[in-house]
Amino acid sequence: MTGSEPEQASAISRIDTSRPHPARVYDWWLGGKDNYPVDEELARRILAVDGTVLRGARANRRFMQRAVRAAAEAGIRQFLDIGTGIPTEPNLHQVAQGVAPEAKVVYADNDPIVLRHAEALLHGSAEGSTVYVHADVRDIDTLLHRAADTLDLARPVALSLVALTHYLGDDPAGDDVYGLLGKYVAALAPGSWLILSQVTPDLNPESIEKAAENFRRSGTPFHPRPLAGFARFFEGLEILGPGVIPVSGWRPEPQDVAVQAEGIVPVYAGVARKP
């Protein structure tokens, strides 16, 4: 399910190729082809000032896979992934349904190019459900209402916002990312999981500030956060081991150890459970 055909057509017609979009910049870093010259230009400018971004993009994807697998192995059978981005295999539903074929997965993103590729996300297991909704993370009521067509929000859900919160500010008069995350968590049933990663200035401050400035000049807000600011997202939740740490160190597998050996990745990651 991806919404009505007129809605899809309208959204796709609104693809703006005059300004870079984070999902498409990220796609370029991952070696994808679903980006435009304006996205490649910004991606290259940031890469020139922060040589960690390619490792960071790969490390984020690997973290998502490990965290989702951990949630599925712990019995979670419902997943809501906000800020999905352009499909890059293995996608979240492939990981979750690889453990539990009956798992239900809802993807949500506001970039029309992701909607255009939504069909690539919908080939899940026969036993489970895999759907895409076109919605903005800031529009909580709409997003959750559409997600509830597939997910039972009275039962545990793993909510994934990987590499998304650094695009949201913390001004109560603006995005208010802490209030936003708090409302999502409040809507989830006890036993639900929260899966997050976030760029930090702690590990490579000079390069991260230059990267952030490039994003801002392009019209994309960017908010790296220190450890205390990231850990704040998990207040009131049970943080799961090994805690809030650099992304490649969260329950690493051999491939992640190899990434760590390449150098720092200035991204924090954490997973928590709602009591």
Protein backbone atom coordinates (compact mmCIF):
# COMPACT_ATOMS: atom_id res chain seq x y z
CA MET A 1 0.00 0.00 0.00
CA THR A 2 1.46 3.31 -1.05
CA GLY A 3 -1.55 5.59 -0.96
CA SER A 4 -3.90 6.47 -3.80
CA GLU A 5 -2.61 6.62 -7.37
CA PRO A 6 -3.41 10.38 -7.70
CA GLU A 7 -1.51 11.02 -4.45
CA GLN A 8 1.47 9.05 -5.73
CA ALA A 9 1.46 10.83 -9.08
CA SER A 10 1.19 14.21 -7.38
CA ALA A 11 4.06 13.45 -5.02
CA ILE A 12 6.33 12.15 -7.77
CA SER A 13 5.64 15.25 -9.86
CA ARG A 14 6.95 17.34 -6.96
CA ILE A 15 10.50 15.96 -7.08
CA ASP A 16 12.69 19.05 -6.72
CA THR A 17 15.97 18.65 -8.57
CA SER A 18 17.06 22.22 -7.93
CA ARG A 19 18.01 21.56 -4.30
CA PRO A 20 19.79 18.59 -2.72
CA HIS A 21 17.81 16.20 -0.55
CA PRO A 22 19.39 14.21 2.33
CA ALA A 23 18.00 10.88 1.09
CA ARG A 24 19.54 11.40 -2.34
CA VAL A 25 22.87 12.66 -0.93
CA TYR A 26 22.96 9.55 1.26
CA ASP A 27 22.17 7.43 -1.80
CA TRP A 28 25.22 8.88 -3.60
CA TRP A 29 27.46 8.09 -0.62
CA LEU A 30 26.21 4.50 -0.71
CA GLY A 31 27.03 4.24 -4.39
CA GLY A 32 23.43 4.46 -5.57
CA LYS A 33 22.15 5.90 -8.84
CA ASP A 34 18.96 7.57 -7.62
CA ASN A 35 20.32 11.06 -7.17
CA TYR A 36 20.74 14.21 -9.21
CA PRO A 37 23.72 16.45 -10.01
CA VAL A 38 22.75 18.83 -7.22
CA ASP A 39 22.87 15.94 -4.74
CA GLU A 40 26.20 14.67 -6.03
CA GLU A 41 27.65 18.16 -5.82
CA LEU A 42 26.75 18.50 -2.14
CA ALA A 43 27.82 14.91 -1.41
CA ARG A 44 31.24 15.57 -2.92
CA ARG A 45 31.66 18.90 -1.09
CA ILE A 46 30.95 17.22 2.23
CA LEU A 47 33.21 14.30 1.41
CA ALA A 48 36.00 16.80 0.69
CA VAL A 49 35.80 18.23 4.23
CA ASP A 50 34.80 15.05 6.08
CA GLY A 51 36.44 11.88 4.83
CA THR A 52 34.41 9.74 7.24
CA VAL A 53 31.06 10.11 5.50
CA LEU A 54 31.33 7.04 3.29
CA ARG A 55 32.25 4.89 6.30
CA GLY A 56 29.45 6.54 8.23
CA ALA A 57 26.84 5.76 5.58
CA ARG A 58 27.89 2.12 5.47
CA ALA A 59 28.12 1.89 9.26
CA ASN A 60 24.60 3.29 9.64
CA ARG A 61 23.18 0.70 7.28
CA ARG A 62 25.01 -2.07 9.11
CA PHE A 63 23.76 -0.80 12.47
CA MET A 64 20.18 -0.80 11.22
CA GLN A 65 20.55 -4.40 10.12
CA ARG A 66 22.03 -5.54 13.45
CA ALA A 67 19.48 -3.66 15.55
CA VAL A 68 16.50 -4.88 13.53
CA ARG A 69 17.78 -8.44 13.67
CA ALA A 70 18.17 -8.11 17.45
CA ALA A 71 14.61 -6.81 17.78
CA ALA A 72 13.20 -9.63 15.67
CA GLU A 73 15.17 -12.23 17.60
CA ALA A 74 13.77 -10.72 20.81
CA GLY A 75 10.23 -11.30 19.58
CA ILE A 76 9.29 -7.97 17.95
CA ARG A 77 7.07 -8.59 14.96
CA GLN A 78 6.15 -5.02 13.97
CA PHE A 79 8.52 -2.39 12.58
CA LEU A 80 8.04 1.28 11.72
CA ASP A 81 10.95 2.81 9.83
CA ILE A 82 10.77 6.62 9.47
CA GLY A 83 13.14 8.36 7.10
CA THR A 84 13.44 5.21 5.01
CA GLY A 85 15.51 6.69 2.22
CA ILE A 86 16.09 5.15 -1.18
CA PRO A 87 16.05 1.32 -1.15
CA THR A 88 19.47 -0.25 -0.55
CA GLU A 89 19.63 -4.00 0.00
CA PRO A 90 19.31 -5.56 2.40
CA ASN A 91 16.35 -3.39 3.37
CA LEU A 92 14.84 -3.43 6.83
CA HIS A 93 11.97 -5.75 5.92
CA GLN A 94 14.40 -8.29 4.45
CA VAL A 95 16.29 -8.38 7.74
CA ALA A 96 13.17 -8.57 9.95
CA GLN A 97 11.36 -11.10 7.80
CA GLY A 98 14.54 -13.11 7.44
CA VAL A 99 14.21 -13.80 11.16
CA ALA A 100 10.40 -13.78 11.38
CA PRO A 101 8.61 -14.16 8.01
CA GLU A 102 5.35 -13.01 9.60
CA ALA A 103 6.81 -9.62 10.58
CA LYS A 104 4.91 -6.49 9.52
CA VAL A 105 6.95 -3.53 8.28
CA VAL A 106 5.86 0.02 7.51
CA TYR A 107 8.26 2.40 5.78
CA ALA A 108 7.66 6.16 5.90
CA ASP A 109 9.44 8.97 4.08
CA ASN A 110 8.58 12.39 2.68
CA ASP A 111 10.86 12.41 -0.37
CA PRO A 112 8.86 11.81 -3.58
CA ILE A 113 11.78 9.91 -5.11
CA VAL A 114 11.45 7.32 -2.33
CA LEU A 115 7.77 6.99 -3.20
CA ARG A 116 8.76 6.42 -6.82
CA HIS A 117 10.89 3.48 -5.71
CA ALA A 118 8.38 2.19 -3.17
CA GLU A 119 7.57 -0.89 -5.21
CA ALA A 120 11.11 -2.09 -4.56
CA LEU A 121 10.30 -2.00 -0.85
CA LEU A 122 7.06 -3.95 -1.10
CA HIS A 123 8.37 -7.35 -2.05
CA GLY A 124 8.32 -8.86 1.40
CA SER A 125 7.56 -12.33 2.64
CA ALA A 126 4.25 -13.98 1.79
CA GLU A 127 3.53 -14.43 5.49
CA GLY A 128 4.20 -10.84 6.55
CA SER A 129 3.27 -7.35 5.37
CA THR A 130 5.50 -4.67 3.87
CA VAL A 131 4.00 -1.28 3.03
CA TYR A 132 5.14 2.27 2.36
CA VAL A 133 3.43 5.50 3.44
CA HIS A 134 4.30 8.91 2.07
CA ALA A 135 4.40 11.11 5.18
CA ASP A 136 6.64 13.55 7.03
CA VAL A 137 8.11 12.64 10.42
CA ARG A 138 6.80 15.98 11.75
CA ASP A 139 3.21 15.04 10.91
CA ILE A 140 2.81 12.51 13.70
CA ASP A 141 -0.96 12.07 13.51
CA THR A 142 -1.01 11.41 9.76
CA LEU A 143 1.99 9.11 9.82
CA LEU A 144 0.75 7.00 12.74
CA HIS A 145 -2.80 6.89 11.35
CA ARG A 146 -1.51 5.48 8.06
CA ALA A 147 0.88 3.11 9.83
CA ALA A 148 -1.99 1.80 11.95
CA ASP A 149 -3.63 0.39 8.82
CA THR A 150 -0.91 -2.27 8.98
CA LEU A 151 0.48 -2.17 12.51
CA ASP A 152 -1.35 -2.81 15.76
CA LEU A 153 -0.05 0.05 17.90
CA ALA A 154 -1.47 -1.62 21.00
CA ARG A 155 1.29 -4.22 20.60
CA PRO A 156 5.08 -3.68 20.63
CA VAL A 157 6.66 -1.97 17.63
CA ALA A 158 10.31 -1.34 16.82
CA LEU A 159 10.52 2.32 15.80
CA SER A 160 13.59 3.04 13.68
CA LEU A 161 14.92 6.54 12.93
CA VAL A 162 18.40 5.86 11.64
CA ALA A 163 20.45 8.91 10.61
CA LEU A 164 17.39 11.15 10.78
CA THR A 165 17.42 13.18 13.99
CA HIS A 166 20.41 15.29 12.94
CA TYR A 167 18.17 16.86 10.27
CA LEU A 168 15.74 18.03 12.96
CA GLY A 169 16.29 20.97 15.29
CA ASP A 170 15.49 21.18 18.99
CA ASP A 171 13.82 24.61 19.11
CA PRO A 172 10.41 24.23 20.83
CA ALA A 173 9.11 26.83 18.38
CA GLY A 174 10.41 24.81 15.42
CA ASP A 175 10.98 21.10 14.85
CA ASP A 176 11.40 20.33 18.59
CA VAL A 177 12.99 16.95 17.93
CA TYR A 178 12.87 15.92 21.59
CA GLY A 179 9.17 16.66 21.85
CA LEU A 180 8.60 14.91 18.54
CA LEU A 181 10.38 11.72 19.60
CA GLY A 182 8.59 11.83 22.93
CA LYS A 183 5.21 11.84 21.20
CA TYR A 184 6.16 8.88 19.02
CA VAL A 185 7.37 6.88 22.00
CA ALA A 186 4.22 7.79 23.95
CA ALA A 187 2.12 6.34 21.14
CA LEU A 188 3.94 3.00 21.30
CA ALA A 189 2.96 0.06 23.49
CA PRO A 190 5.13 -1.10 26.38
CA GLY A 191 7.80 -3.48 25.13
CA SER A 192 8.39 -1.40 22.00
CA TRP A 193 11.92 -0.61 20.86
CA LEU A 194 13.50 2.67 19.76
CA ILE A 195 16.40 2.40 17.29
CA LEU A 196 18.39 5.60 16.66
CA SER A 197 21.65 6.86 15.21
CA GLN A 198 22.87 10.45 15.04
CA VAL A 199 25.90 12.37 13.77
CA THR A 200 28.00 13.81 16.60
CA PRO A 201 30.69 16.50 16.78
CA ASP A 202 32.39 14.67 19.67
CA LEU A 203 34.71 12.46 17.62
CA ASN A 204 35.71 14.75 14.75
CA PRO A 205 34.56 18.29 15.59
CA GLU A 206 36.29 20.34 12.92
CA SER A 207 35.25 18.15 10.00
CA ILE A 208 31.70 17.74 11.27
CA GLU A 209 31.26 21.49 11.60
CA LYS A 210 32.45 21.97 8.01
CA ALA A 211 30.06 19.26 6.82
CA ALA A 212 27.21 20.82 8.78
CA GLU A 213 27.94 24.22 7.24
CA ASN A 214 27.80 22.71 3.75
CA PHE A 215 24.41 21.19 4.52
CA ARG A 216 23.08 24.47 5.89
CA ARG A 217 24.30 26.47 2.92
CA SER A 218 22.42 24.06 0.67
CA GLY A 219 19.21 24.74 2.57
CA THR A 220 19.26 21.54 4.63
CA PRO A 221 19.21 22.00 8.43
CA PHE A 222 21.84 19.89 10.14
CA HIS A 223 22.27 19.42 13.89
CA PRO A 224 25.16 17.23 15.10
CA ARG A 225 24.69 16.42 18.78
CA PRO A 226 27.09 15.52 21.59
CA LEU A 227 26.67 12.35 23.61
CA ALA A 228 24.48 14.03 26.25
CA GLY A 229 22.19 15.44 23.57
CA PHE A 230 21.83 12.08 21.87
CA ALA A 231 21.34 10.15 25.11
CA ARG A 232 18.48 12.51 25.94
CA PHE A 233 16.37 10.79 23.27
CA PHE A 234 16.30 7.68 25.46
CA GLU A 235 15.13 9.30 28.70
CA GLY A 236 12.57 7.11 30.44
CA LEU A 237 13.52 4.06 28.38
CA GLU A 238 15.60 0.98 29.16
CA ILE A 239 18.81 1.31 27.13
CA LEU A 240 19.89 -2.06 25.80
CA GLY A 241 23.49 -3.26 25.85
CA PRO A 242 26.09 -2.24 24.97
CA GLY A 243 24.58 1.21 25.53
CA VAL A 244 24.84 4.48 23.65
CA ILE A 245 28.14 4.25 21.80
CA PRO A 246 29.78 4.91 18.40
CA VAL A 247 27.72 3.20 15.72
CA SER A 248 30.18 0.53 14.61
CA GLY A 249 30.57 -0.67 18.20
CA TRP A 250 26.92 -1.56 18.74
CA ARG A 251 26.97 -5.38 18.87
CA PRO A 252 29.56 -5.51 16.07
CA GLU A 253 29.99 -8.35 13.65
CA PRO A 254 33.29 -9.08 11.82
CA GLN A 255 32.43 -6.68 8.99
CA ASP A 256 31.86 -3.89 11.51
CA VAL A 257 35.19 -4.53 13.19
CA ALA A 258 36.79 -4.03 9.78
CA VAL A 259 35.00 -0.67 9.42
CA GLN A 260 36.25 0.36 12.85
CA ALA A 261 39.78 -0.44 11.76
CA GLU A 262 39.43 2.01 8.85
CA GLY A 263 39.07 4.94 11.24
CA ILE A 264 36.53 6.86 13.27
CA VAL A 265 32.87 7.12 12.39
CA PRO A 266 31.43 10.22 14.13
CA VAL A 267 27.98 8.74 14.66
CA TYR A 268 26.37 7.57 17.89
CA ALA A 269 23.88 4.72 18.01
CA GLY A 270 21.56 3.33 20.64
CA VAL A 271 18.63 0.99 21.12
CA ALA A 272 16.18 1.16 23.98
CA ARG A 273 13.04 -0.60 25.16
CA LYS A 274 9.90 1.08 26.45
CA PRO A 275 9.10 -0.33 29.90
